[in-house]
Every structure is written in structure tokens, then in C-alpha cells.
Amino acid sequence: MNKITFTLTALLLGTAAHAQDTLSVVGSWSGLPLHKNYEAPFWTTALPEASGGTLEVALTTHDQMGIAGGDVFRMMSQGVFHIGMTAADYAVSDSAALEGLDVPLVASDANEAKAALDAARPIMDDIFASVFNAHVIGTAPYPAQIVFCNAPIAGLADLEGLKVRASGRMTANVLEGLGSEAVTMAFGEVPGALQRGV
């Protein structure tokens, strides 16, 4: 199921991020390629080298901290850390408008996803300034949503009557429109839930 899911990187505005030479950064899921291949190398190697060694970064991820992805921007806005990255879909409880960044079946390729993101960027900037006292410094599209099922699926019609994990409310709405029963749960719970027949 193609959908736009973005990881947003936001920087806390104000003096906290500028008052120290060590930036505290909370990345997205530690086990995903996005963090391993892009976030970690940028924050731990590229940025310190580009600063000539004047900037140091203390990097962790929200799952390593034991906090939910939805808490990242809220905690950042409270000054717990300087920079945070998480999926926009995780922060919709703080701003329902962020759901507009996670719409299934809108973008079928990277160019369409980028065009949608470019169109939404002014809205994102406003949301992060007003809700989180932060500035969006980067975005990254996640890959297309994968539907995990414990039965063969040949097409969308085969989803009718099945319980299917939805990553967020917008995906749940589409699945329910296809006749599925949408189940929301943390991604880490999916394998066990499939085995238990949830």
C-alpha cells in the first residue's frame, strides 16, 4: 500500500541548542536502515567533522530511550533534548494536521512523494513553530507501507474481512474502506500478533 510517511527532524528553537557544544539528538528506530545508514553517520561523523570538531553529538534513539515515537517532539519542546526525529504519524495527538502527511495511496513513487512533501512544507513549518517551538530541518520518506498478513494476499480485494495492522488512523480508514478490520499496534508487536492470530 503506497502512502506518504515521513520522518521529521526538528530542532528546538531558542538558546538551549546553541548554549552547548554537545547536541543531544534522538533518532528514529535504531534497527531501521534510515537510522543506521543516514541518521547515525550524519550526526556522529559528518556533522562533527564539518564543524572542525567544535560540535559533538550525543546520539540515541527513542526506542533505546524506552519512549514512544509520539513523545519525541513533545519532549524535545520541553528541552529534554535538542534535536528529535520520528514519523510524523506518531505526533498526530499533538497536531491532527500532521495526519495529512500520512495518506495512503496518494504517492506511487518517490517523485510524487517529494511533490506532496514540498506542498506540505509550509504547513509543517507552521505546526512545528507553534506546537513544538521547533524548526523542521529535514524530512525523509519511509518506504511504502507493508501489509503483514498470515494468509496469502493477491490483491486489495483479498483484504476484505481480515484483521490488518494499520500504522495510523489514515491507513486504518483506507483498510476499513476495503472491508478490513484495522488493528493499530506498535510495529514491534506485529510478529507476535501475527503468530497469536490477532
N, C-alpha and C. Protein backbone atom coordinates (compact mmCIF):
# COMPACT_ATOMS: atom_id res chain seq x y z
N MET A 1 0.86 -1.17 0.00
CA MET A 1 0.00 0.00 0.00
C MET A 1 0.90 1.23 0.00
N ASN A 2 0.87 1.98 -1.06
CA ASN A 2 1.71 3.18 -1.13
C ASN A 2 1.10 4.28 -0.29
N LYS A 3 1.94 4.90 0.48
CA LYS A 3 1.49 6.04 1.27
C LYS A 3 2.68 6.90 1.58
N ILE A 4 2.39 8.12 1.96
CA ILE A 4 3.45 9.03 2.33
C ILE A 4 3.62 8.94 3.84
N THR A 5 4.76 8.50 4.28
CA THR A 5 5.07 8.51 5.70
C THR A 5 6.41 9.19 5.83
N PHE A 6 6.47 10.24 6.62
CA PHE A 6 7.70 10.98 6.72
C PHE A 6 8.27 10.93 8.11
N THR A 7 9.58 10.81 8.17
CA THR A 7 10.27 11.04 9.42
C THR A 7 10.67 12.50 9.39
N LEU A 8 10.33 13.19 10.43
CA LEU A 8 10.65 14.61 10.51
C LEU A 8 11.78 14.80 11.50
N THR A 9 12.71 15.63 11.15
CA THR A 9 13.78 16.02 12.05
C THR A 9 13.53 17.46 12.43
N ALA A 10 13.44 17.70 13.71
CA ALA A 10 13.14 19.05 14.17
C ALA A 10 14.18 19.51 15.17
N LEU A 11 14.49 20.77 15.13
CA LEU A 11 15.46 21.39 16.02
C LEU A 11 14.72 22.32 16.96
N LEU A 12 14.96 22.16 18.25
CA LEU A 12 14.35 23.03 19.24
C LEU A 12 14.87 24.45 19.06
N LEU A 13 13.95 25.40 18.97
CA LEU A 13 14.35 26.79 18.85
C LEU A 13 14.72 27.36 20.20
N GLY A 14 15.35 28.46 20.21
CA GLY A 14 15.73 29.09 21.47
C GLY A 14 17.21 28.91 21.74
N THR A 15 17.60 29.16 22.96
CA THR A 15 19.02 29.18 23.28
C THR A 15 19.59 27.83 23.66
N ALA A 16 18.74 26.87 24.04
CA ALA A 16 19.25 25.60 24.55
C ALA A 16 20.17 24.90 23.55
N ALA A 17 19.78 24.88 22.29
CA ALA A 17 20.58 24.17 21.29
C ALA A 17 21.86 24.91 20.94
N HIS A 18 21.94 26.18 21.30
CA HIS A 18 23.12 26.97 20.94
C HIS A 18 24.04 27.21 22.13
N ALA A 19 23.57 26.89 23.32
CA ALA A 19 24.34 27.22 24.51
C ALA A 19 25.43 26.20 24.83
N GLN A 20 25.37 25.04 24.19
CA GLN A 20 26.34 23.99 24.48
C GLN A 20 27.01 23.55 23.19
N ASP A 21 28.18 22.94 23.34
CA ASP A 21 28.87 22.39 22.18
C ASP A 21 28.46 20.96 21.90
N THR A 22 27.72 20.34 22.80
CA THR A 22 27.24 18.98 22.58
C THR A 22 25.74 19.02 22.34
N LEU A 23 25.35 18.54 21.18
CA LEU A 23 23.94 18.46 20.84
C LEU A 23 23.40 17.10 21.27
N SER A 24 22.29 17.10 21.97
CA SER A 24 21.64 15.83 22.30
C SER A 24 20.59 15.56 21.23
N VAL A 25 20.73 14.42 20.57
CA VAL A 25 19.91 14.08 19.41
C VAL A 25 19.23 12.74 19.65
N VAL A 26 17.93 12.69 19.39
CA VAL A 26 17.16 11.45 19.49
C VAL A 26 16.70 11.08 18.08
N GLY A 27 17.17 9.94 17.62
CA GLY A 27 16.84 9.47 16.27
C GLY A 27 15.62 8.58 16.24
N SER A 28 15.29 8.15 15.03
CA SER A 28 14.15 7.26 14.84
C SER A 28 14.55 5.84 15.25
N TRP A 29 13.82 4.85 14.82
CA TRP A 29 14.05 3.46 15.24
C TRP A 29 15.49 3.02 15.01
N SER A 30 16.14 2.52 16.05
CA SER A 30 17.56 2.15 15.99
C SER A 30 17.85 1.03 15.01
N GLY A 31 16.93 0.13 14.77
CA GLY A 31 17.18 -1.02 13.92
C GLY A 31 16.90 -0.80 12.45
N LEU A 32 16.35 0.35 12.09
CA LEU A 32 15.99 0.58 10.69
C LEU A 32 17.15 1.18 9.88
N PRO A 33 17.19 0.88 8.58
CA PRO A 33 18.24 1.45 7.72
C PRO A 33 18.29 2.97 7.76
N LEU A 34 17.14 3.63 7.92
CA LEU A 34 17.14 5.09 7.98
C LEU A 34 18.08 5.59 9.07
N HIS A 35 18.02 4.97 10.23
CA HIS A 35 18.89 5.39 11.33
C HIS A 35 20.32 4.90 11.10
N LYS A 36 20.48 3.63 10.79
CA LYS A 36 21.81 3.05 10.65
C LYS A 36 22.61 3.68 9.51
N ASN A 37 21.96 3.88 8.37
CA ASN A 37 22.68 4.33 7.17
C ASN A 37 22.73 5.84 6.98
N TYR A 38 21.82 6.57 7.62
CA TYR A 38 21.75 8.02 7.37
C TYR A 38 21.87 8.85 8.64
N GLU A 39 20.97 8.60 9.60
CA GLU A 39 20.98 9.43 10.80
C GLU A 39 22.30 9.29 11.58
N ALA A 40 22.65 8.07 11.93
CA ALA A 40 23.84 7.86 12.76
C ALA A 40 25.12 8.39 12.10
N PRO A 41 25.39 8.06 10.83
CA PRO A 41 26.60 8.61 10.21
C PRO A 41 26.61 10.14 10.14
N PHE A 42 25.45 10.74 9.86
CA PHE A 42 25.41 12.20 9.78
C PHE A 42 25.73 12.83 11.14
N TRP A 43 25.01 12.40 12.17
CA TRP A 43 25.14 13.05 13.47
C TRP A 43 26.44 12.71 14.18
N THR A 44 26.95 11.50 14.00
CA THR A 44 28.14 11.10 14.76
C THR A 44 29.45 11.32 14.01
N THR A 45 29.39 11.44 12.69
CA THR A 45 30.62 11.60 11.92
C THR A 45 30.62 12.87 11.07
N ALA A 46 29.66 12.97 10.15
CA ALA A 46 29.67 14.08 9.18
C ALA A 46 29.57 15.45 9.85
N LEU A 47 28.62 15.63 10.76
CA LEU A 47 28.46 16.94 11.40
C LEU A 47 29.65 17.31 12.27
N PRO A 48 30.14 16.44 13.14
CA PRO A 48 31.33 16.80 13.92
C PRO A 48 32.54 17.13 13.03
N GLU A 49 32.73 16.37 11.95
CA GLU A 49 33.85 16.65 11.05
C GLU A 49 33.66 17.99 10.34
N ALA A 50 32.42 18.27 9.88
CA ALA A 50 32.16 19.53 9.18
C ALA A 50 32.34 20.73 10.10
N SER A 51 32.15 20.53 11.40
CA SER A 51 32.31 21.64 12.35
C SER A 51 33.77 21.79 12.80
N GLY A 52 34.64 20.96 12.25
CA GLY A 52 36.04 21.01 12.66
C GLY A 52 36.24 20.54 14.09
N GLY A 53 35.33 19.71 14.55
CA GLY A 53 35.44 19.19 15.90
C GLY A 53 34.86 20.08 16.98
N THR A 54 34.26 21.21 16.59
CA THR A 54 33.69 22.10 17.62
C THR A 54 32.32 21.63 18.11
N LEU A 55 31.64 20.81 17.30
CA LEU A 55 30.34 20.26 17.71
C LEU A 55 30.48 18.79 18.02
N GLU A 56 29.94 18.40 19.15
CA GLU A 56 29.85 17.00 19.50
C GLU A 56 28.39 16.64 19.58
N VAL A 57 28.09 15.37 19.30
CA VAL A 57 26.71 14.92 19.31
C VAL A 57 26.58 13.71 20.22
N ALA A 58 25.61 13.76 21.10
CA ALA A 58 25.23 12.61 21.91
C ALA A 58 23.97 12.05 21.26
N LEU A 59 24.10 10.92 20.57
CA LEU A 59 23.00 10.35 19.79
C LEU A 59 22.44 9.11 20.44
N THR A 60 21.14 9.04 20.50
CA THR A 60 20.42 7.83 20.89
C THR A 60 19.17 7.77 20.03
N THR A 61 18.30 6.81 20.26
CA THR A 61 17.04 6.72 19.53
C THR A 61 15.91 6.61 20.53
N HIS A 62 14.71 6.88 20.06
CA HIS A 62 13.58 6.85 21.01
C HIS A 62 13.35 5.43 21.54
N ASP A 63 13.57 4.40 20.72
CA ASP A 63 13.37 3.05 21.23
C ASP A 63 14.46 2.67 22.23
N GLN A 64 15.69 3.15 22.04
CA GLN A 64 16.75 2.89 23.01
C GLN A 64 16.48 3.62 24.32
N MET A 65 15.80 4.77 24.24
CA MET A 65 15.44 5.52 25.45
C MET A 65 14.23 4.91 26.15
N GLY A 66 13.49 4.08 25.44
CA GLY A 66 12.29 3.50 26.01
C GLY A 66 11.11 4.45 25.99
N ILE A 67 11.12 5.39 25.05
CA ILE A 67 9.98 6.31 24.93
C ILE A 67 9.26 6.04 23.62
N ALA A 68 8.00 6.36 23.58
CA ALA A 68 7.20 6.18 22.37
C ALA A 68 7.59 7.22 21.33
N GLY A 69 7.45 6.85 20.05
CA GLY A 69 7.75 7.79 18.98
C GLY A 69 6.93 9.06 19.08
N GLY A 70 5.71 8.96 19.61
CA GLY A 70 4.84 10.12 19.75
C GLY A 70 5.29 11.09 20.82
N ASP A 71 6.23 10.67 21.67
CA ASP A 71 6.73 11.56 22.73
C ASP A 71 7.95 12.38 22.31
N VAL A 72 8.54 12.04 21.16
CA VAL A 72 9.81 12.66 20.77
C VAL A 72 9.70 14.17 20.65
N PHE A 73 8.77 14.67 19.85
CA PHE A 73 8.70 16.12 19.64
C PHE A 73 8.21 16.84 20.88
N ARG A 74 7.31 16.20 21.63
CA ARG A 74 6.82 16.81 22.87
C ARG A 74 7.96 16.97 23.86
N MET A 75 8.77 15.93 24.03
CA MET A 75 9.89 16.00 24.98
C MET A 75 10.95 16.99 24.49
N MET A 76 11.15 17.03 23.16
CA MET A 76 12.10 17.99 22.61
C MET A 76 11.64 19.41 22.92
N SER A 77 10.33 19.66 22.77
CA SER A 77 9.83 21.01 23.02
C SER A 77 9.93 21.41 24.49
N GLN A 78 10.05 20.41 25.36
CA GLN A 78 10.22 20.67 26.80
C GLN A 78 11.69 20.80 27.18
N GLY A 79 12.58 20.68 26.19
CA GLY A 79 14.00 20.87 26.44
C GLY A 79 14.75 19.64 26.92
N VAL A 80 14.13 18.46 26.81
CA VAL A 80 14.79 17.23 27.25
C VAL A 80 15.99 16.92 26.35
N PHE A 81 15.88 17.21 25.06
CA PHE A 81 16.99 17.09 24.12
C PHE A 81 16.82 18.16 23.05
N HIS A 82 17.86 18.37 22.24
CA HIS A 82 17.86 19.45 21.26
C HIS A 82 17.20 19.10 19.94
N ILE A 83 17.45 17.90 19.45
CA ILE A 83 17.01 17.52 18.11
C ILE A 83 16.31 16.18 18.20
N GLY A 84 15.17 16.05 17.50
CA GLY A 84 14.43 14.80 17.52
C GLY A 84 13.95 14.40 16.15
N MET A 85 13.90 13.09 15.93
CA MET A 85 13.42 12.54 14.67
C MET A 85 12.41 11.44 14.97
N THR A 86 11.28 11.50 14.30
CA THR A 86 10.28 10.44 14.42
C THR A 86 9.31 10.55 13.26
N ALA A 87 8.49 9.53 13.06
CA ALA A 87 7.50 9.56 11.99
C ALA A 87 6.42 10.58 12.32
N ALA A 88 6.03 11.35 11.33
CA ALA A 88 5.00 12.36 11.54
C ALA A 88 3.72 11.74 12.08
N ASP A 89 3.42 10.53 11.64
CA ASP A 89 2.20 9.86 12.07
C ASP A 89 2.17 9.64 13.59
N TYR A 90 3.34 9.57 14.21
CA TYR A 90 3.40 9.35 15.66
C TYR A 90 3.04 10.61 16.45
N ALA A 91 3.08 11.76 15.81
CA ALA A 91 2.87 13.02 16.54
C ALA A 91 1.49 13.63 16.32
N VAL A 92 0.57 12.86 15.73
CA VAL A 92 -0.75 13.43 15.42
C VAL A 92 -1.57 13.75 16.66
N SER A 93 -1.25 13.15 17.81
CA SER A 93 -2.01 13.50 19.01
C SER A 93 -1.71 14.93 19.45
N ASP A 94 -0.57 15.47 19.04
CA ASP A 94 -0.23 16.86 19.34
C ASP A 94 -0.73 17.82 18.27
N SER A 95 -0.87 17.33 17.05
CA SER A 95 -1.37 18.15 15.96
C SER A 95 -2.03 17.25 14.91
N ALA A 96 -3.34 17.25 14.89
CA ALA A 96 -4.07 16.39 13.95
C ALA A 96 -3.73 16.72 12.50
N ALA A 97 -3.29 17.93 12.23
CA ALA A 97 -2.94 18.32 10.86
C ALA A 97 -1.80 17.49 10.30
N LEU A 98 -0.96 16.92 11.19
CA LEU A 98 0.15 16.08 10.72
C LEU A 98 -0.34 14.80 10.04
N GLU A 99 -1.60 14.42 10.27
CA GLU A 99 -2.15 13.25 9.58
C GLU A 99 -2.13 13.43 8.07
N GLY A 100 -2.18 14.65 7.63
CA GLY A 100 -2.15 14.92 6.19
C GLY A 100 -0.85 14.49 5.53
N LEU A 101 0.18 14.21 6.32
CA LEU A 101 1.45 13.74 5.76
C LEU A 101 1.48 12.22 5.60
N ASP A 102 0.45 11.55 6.04
CA ASP A 102 0.45 10.09 6.05
C ASP A 102 -0.81 9.56 5.39
N VAL A 103 -0.96 9.84 4.10
CA VAL A 103 -2.16 9.47 3.38
C VAL A 103 -1.87 8.31 2.43
N PRO A 104 -2.51 7.17 2.66
CA PRO A 104 -2.29 6.01 1.79
C PRO A 104 -2.77 6.26 0.37
N LEU A 105 -2.11 5.60 -0.57
CA LEU A 105 -2.49 5.56 -1.98
C LEU A 105 -2.40 6.90 -2.70
N VAL A 106 -1.70 7.88 -2.12
CA VAL A 106 -1.55 9.18 -2.76
C VAL A 106 -0.33 9.21 -3.67
N ALA A 107 0.78 8.74 -3.18
CA ALA A 107 2.03 8.78 -3.96
C ALA A 107 2.44 7.36 -4.33
N SER A 108 2.67 7.15 -5.60
CA SER A 108 3.07 5.81 -6.03
C SER A 108 4.56 5.72 -6.33
N ASP A 109 5.28 6.84 -6.23
CA ASP A 109 6.73 6.79 -6.42
C ASP A 109 7.37 7.95 -5.65
N ALA A 110 8.70 7.96 -5.65
CA ALA A 110 9.45 8.95 -4.88
C ALA A 110 9.19 10.38 -5.36
N ASN A 111 9.04 10.58 -6.65
CA ASN A 111 8.80 11.93 -7.18
C ASN A 111 7.45 12.48 -6.70
N GLU A 112 6.42 11.63 -6.71
CA GLU A 112 5.12 12.08 -6.22
C GLU A 112 5.16 12.36 -4.72
N ALA A 113 5.89 11.52 -3.98
CA ALA A 113 6.01 11.74 -2.53
C ALA A 113 6.73 13.06 -2.25
N LYS A 114 7.78 13.35 -3.03
CA LYS A 114 8.52 14.60 -2.83
C LYS A 114 7.64 15.81 -3.17
N ALA A 115 6.85 15.71 -4.23
CA ALA A 115 5.96 16.82 -4.60
C ALA A 115 4.93 17.07 -3.50
N ALA A 116 4.39 16.00 -2.94
CA ALA A 116 3.42 16.16 -1.85
C ALA A 116 4.09 16.79 -0.63
N LEU A 117 5.29 16.36 -0.33
CA LEU A 117 6.03 16.91 0.81
C LEU A 117 6.34 18.38 0.59
N ASP A 118 6.79 18.73 -0.61
CA ASP A 118 7.08 20.13 -0.91
C ASP A 118 5.83 21.00 -0.73
N ALA A 119 4.67 20.48 -1.14
CA ALA A 119 3.43 21.24 -0.99
C ALA A 119 3.05 21.40 0.48
N ALA A 120 3.38 20.42 1.29
CA ALA A 120 3.01 20.46 2.72
C ALA A 120 4.03 21.18 3.59
N ARG A 121 5.19 21.49 3.06
CA ARG A 121 6.27 22.04 3.88
C ARG A 121 5.89 23.32 4.63
N PRO A 122 5.20 24.29 4.01
CA PRO A 122 4.83 25.49 4.77
C PRO A 122 3.92 25.17 5.97
N ILE A 123 3.04 24.20 5.79
CA ILE A 123 2.16 23.79 6.89
C ILE A 123 2.97 23.15 8.00
N MET A 124 3.91 22.26 7.63
CA MET A 124 4.77 21.62 8.63
C MET A 124 5.56 22.67 9.40
N ASP A 125 6.11 23.63 8.69
CA ASP A 125 6.89 24.68 9.36
C ASP A 125 6.05 25.42 10.39
N ASP A 126 4.81 25.75 10.01
CA ASP A 126 3.91 26.45 10.94
C ASP A 126 3.56 25.59 12.15
N ILE A 127 3.27 24.31 11.92
CA ILE A 127 2.92 23.41 13.02
C ILE A 127 4.07 23.29 14.00
N PHE A 128 5.26 23.07 13.49
CA PHE A 128 6.39 22.86 14.39
C PHE A 128 6.77 24.12 15.15
N ALA A 129 6.61 25.27 14.52
CA ALA A 129 6.89 26.51 15.23
C ALA A 129 5.87 26.75 16.34
N SER A 130 4.59 26.54 16.03
CA SER A 130 3.56 26.88 17.01
C SER A 130 3.32 25.80 18.05
N VAL A 131 3.40 24.54 17.68
CA VAL A 131 3.10 23.45 18.62
C VAL A 131 4.32 23.02 19.41
N PHE A 132 5.48 22.94 18.75
CA PHE A 132 6.68 22.38 19.38
C PHE A 132 7.80 23.38 19.62
N ASN A 133 7.60 24.66 19.26
CA ASN A 133 8.66 25.66 19.35
C ASN A 133 9.93 25.14 18.68
N ALA A 134 9.75 24.61 17.49
CA ALA A 134 10.86 23.95 16.79
C ALA A 134 10.82 24.30 15.31
N HIS A 135 11.89 23.95 14.64
CA HIS A 135 12.04 24.20 13.21
C HIS A 135 12.34 22.88 12.53
N VAL A 136 11.62 22.58 11.46
CA VAL A 136 11.88 21.36 10.69
C VAL A 136 13.18 21.57 9.90
N ILE A 137 14.14 20.70 10.14
CA ILE A 137 15.41 20.83 9.41
C ILE A 137 15.59 19.74 8.37
N GLY A 138 14.71 18.78 8.34
CA GLY A 138 14.81 17.74 7.32
C GLY A 138 13.65 16.77 7.38
N THR A 139 13.41 16.12 6.27
CA THR A 139 12.38 15.09 6.19
C THR A 139 12.92 13.94 5.36
N ALA A 140 12.39 12.77 5.59
CA ALA A 140 12.77 11.60 4.81
C ALA A 140 11.53 10.74 4.63
N PRO A 141 11.24 10.34 3.39
CA PRO A 141 10.09 9.46 3.20
C PRO A 141 10.42 8.04 3.63
N TYR A 142 9.49 7.41 4.29
CA TYR A 142 9.62 6.00 4.59
C TYR A 142 9.20 5.23 3.34
N PRO A 143 9.57 3.98 3.25
CA PRO A 143 9.14 3.19 2.08
C PRO A 143 7.64 2.93 2.14
N ALA A 144 7.11 2.37 1.06
CA ALA A 144 5.69 2.06 1.01
C ALA A 144 5.30 1.17 2.18
N GLN A 145 4.09 1.37 2.69
CA GLN A 145 3.58 0.57 3.80
C GLN A 145 3.49 -0.89 3.39
N ILE A 146 3.93 -1.76 4.25
CA ILE A 146 3.83 -3.19 4.01
C ILE A 146 2.65 -3.71 4.82
N VAL A 147 1.81 -4.50 4.19
CA VAL A 147 0.70 -5.12 4.89
C VAL A 147 1.14 -6.52 5.28
N PHE A 148 1.24 -6.77 6.58
CA PHE A 148 1.65 -8.08 7.07
C PHE A 148 0.41 -8.93 7.32
N CYS A 149 0.34 -10.08 6.68
CA CYS A 149 -0.81 -10.96 6.86
C CYS A 149 -0.32 -12.39 7.05
N ASN A 150 -1.12 -13.20 7.71
CA ASN A 150 -0.75 -14.59 7.89
C ASN A 150 -1.53 -15.49 6.93
N ALA A 151 -2.03 -14.90 5.85
CA ALA A 151 -2.72 -15.62 4.79
C ALA A 151 -2.29 -15.03 3.45
N PRO A 152 -2.35 -15.80 2.37
CA PRO A 152 -1.96 -15.27 1.05
C PRO A 152 -2.86 -14.11 0.62
N ILE A 153 -2.23 -13.07 0.06
CA ILE A 153 -2.94 -11.89 -0.42
C ILE A 153 -2.48 -11.65 -1.86
N ALA A 154 -3.44 -11.70 -2.80
CA ALA A 154 -3.09 -11.48 -4.21
C ALA A 154 -3.48 -10.07 -4.67
N GLY A 155 -4.36 -9.40 -3.92
CA GLY A 155 -4.79 -8.07 -4.30
C GLY A 155 -5.57 -7.43 -3.16
N LEU A 156 -5.97 -6.18 -3.35
CA LEU A 156 -6.67 -5.45 -2.30
C LEU A 156 -7.99 -6.12 -1.91
N ALA A 157 -8.66 -6.76 -2.85
CA ALA A 157 -9.93 -7.41 -2.54
C ALA A 157 -9.76 -8.52 -1.52
N ASP A 158 -8.59 -9.13 -1.47
CA ASP A 158 -8.33 -10.22 -0.52
C ASP A 158 -8.23 -9.74 0.92
N LEU A 159 -8.14 -8.44 1.12
CA LEU A 159 -8.07 -7.90 2.48
C LEU A 159 -9.44 -7.86 3.16
N GLU A 160 -10.51 -7.99 2.38
CA GLU A 160 -11.85 -7.91 2.94
C GLU A 160 -12.06 -8.99 4.00
N GLY A 161 -12.53 -8.57 5.15
CA GLY A 161 -12.81 -9.49 6.24
C GLY A 161 -11.63 -9.84 7.12
N LEU A 162 -10.42 -9.39 6.75
CA LEU A 162 -9.23 -9.71 7.53
C LEU A 162 -8.94 -8.60 8.54
N LYS A 163 -8.29 -8.98 9.63
CA LYS A 163 -7.75 -8.01 10.58
C LYS A 163 -6.36 -7.65 10.07
N VAL A 164 -6.13 -6.35 9.83
CA VAL A 164 -4.87 -5.91 9.24
C VAL A 164 -4.29 -4.79 10.10
N ARG A 165 -2.99 -4.88 10.38
CA ARG A 165 -2.33 -3.85 11.18
C ARG A 165 -2.26 -2.56 10.39
N ALA A 166 -2.71 -1.47 11.00
CA ALA A 166 -2.63 -0.14 10.40
C ALA A 166 -1.65 0.69 11.21
N SER A 167 -0.80 1.43 10.53
CA SER A 167 0.20 2.24 11.22
C SER A 167 -0.38 3.52 11.80
N GLY A 168 -1.54 3.92 11.33
CA GLY A 168 -2.15 5.15 11.81
C GLY A 168 -3.59 5.24 11.37
N ARG A 169 -4.26 6.33 11.76
CA ARG A 169 -5.68 6.47 11.50
C ARG A 169 -6.00 6.56 10.02
N MET A 170 -5.18 7.25 9.25
CA MET A 170 -5.45 7.37 7.82
C MET A 170 -5.38 6.01 7.13
N THR A 171 -4.39 5.22 7.49
CA THR A 171 -4.28 3.87 6.93
C THR A 171 -5.46 3.01 7.38
N ALA A 172 -5.85 3.16 8.65
CA ALA A 172 -6.99 2.40 9.17
C ALA A 172 -8.25 2.74 8.38
N ASN A 173 -8.45 4.02 8.05
CA ASN A 173 -9.63 4.42 7.28
C ASN A 173 -9.66 3.76 5.91
N VAL A 174 -8.50 3.70 5.24
CA VAL A 174 -8.43 3.06 3.92
C VAL A 174 -8.71 1.57 4.05
N LEU A 175 -8.09 0.92 5.04
CA LEU A 175 -8.30 -0.52 5.22
C LEU A 175 -9.77 -0.83 5.50
N GLU A 176 -10.40 -0.01 6.33
CA GLU A 176 -11.81 -0.23 6.63
C GLU A 176 -12.67 -0.01 5.39
N GLY A 177 -12.27 0.94 4.54
CA GLY A 177 -12.97 1.15 3.28
C GLY A 177 -12.85 -0.04 2.35
N LEU A 178 -11.79 -0.82 2.51
CA LEU A 178 -11.60 -2.04 1.71
C LEU A 178 -12.26 -3.25 2.35
N GLY A 179 -12.93 -3.04 3.48
CA GLY A 179 -13.62 -4.14 4.14
C GLY A 179 -12.82 -4.87 5.19
N SER A 180 -11.65 -4.35 5.54
CA SER A 180 -10.81 -4.96 6.58
C SER A 180 -11.18 -4.41 7.94
N GLU A 181 -10.75 -5.12 8.96
CA GLU A 181 -10.82 -4.60 10.31
C GLU A 181 -9.43 -4.09 10.65
N ALA A 182 -9.28 -2.80 10.80
CA ALA A 182 -7.97 -2.21 11.08
C ALA A 182 -7.61 -2.41 12.54
N VAL A 183 -6.39 -2.85 12.77
CA VAL A 183 -5.86 -3.04 14.12
C VAL A 183 -4.63 -2.15 14.24
N THR A 184 -4.60 -1.29 15.24
CA THR A 184 -3.41 -0.46 15.44
C THR A 184 -2.60 -1.04 16.59
N MET A 185 -1.31 -1.09 16.39
CA MET A 185 -0.38 -1.58 17.40
C MET A 185 1.01 -1.11 17.02
N ALA A 186 1.89 -1.12 17.98
CA ALA A 186 3.27 -0.75 17.71
C ALA A 186 3.88 -1.74 16.74
N PHE A 187 4.78 -1.25 15.88
CA PHE A 187 5.37 -2.11 14.86
C PHE A 187 6.07 -3.33 15.48
N GLY A 188 6.71 -3.15 16.61
CA GLY A 188 7.42 -4.25 17.26
C GLY A 188 6.51 -5.37 17.72
N GLU A 189 5.22 -5.10 17.84
CA GLU A 189 4.26 -6.11 18.29
C GLU A 189 3.71 -6.94 17.13
N VAL A 190 4.00 -6.56 15.87
CA VAL A 190 3.39 -7.21 14.72
C VAL A 190 3.74 -8.70 14.62
N PRO A 191 5.02 -9.12 14.68
CA PRO A 191 5.30 -10.55 14.52
C PRO A 191 4.57 -11.44 15.53
N GLY A 192 4.59 -11.07 16.80
CA GLY A 192 3.90 -11.85 17.81
C GLY A 192 2.39 -11.85 17.60
N ALA A 193 1.85 -10.71 17.18
CA ALA A 193 0.41 -10.62 16.96
C ALA A 193 -0.02 -11.51 15.80
N LEU A 194 0.81 -11.59 14.77
CA LEU A 194 0.51 -12.49 13.65
C LEU A 194 0.51 -13.94 14.13
N GLN A 195 1.48 -14.29 14.93
CA GLN A 195 1.58 -15.67 15.43
C GLN A 195 0.41 -16.03 16.33
N ARG A 196 -0.10 -15.04 17.09
CA ARG A 196 -1.21 -15.29 18.00
C ARG A 196 -2.57 -15.15 17.33
N GLY A 197 -2.60 -14.76 16.07
CA GLY A 197 -3.86 -14.61 15.36
C GLY A 197 -4.61 -13.33 15.64
N VAL A 198 -3.92 -12.34 16.19
CA VAL A 198 -4.57 -11.06 16.48
C VAL A 198 -5.02 -10.41 15.18
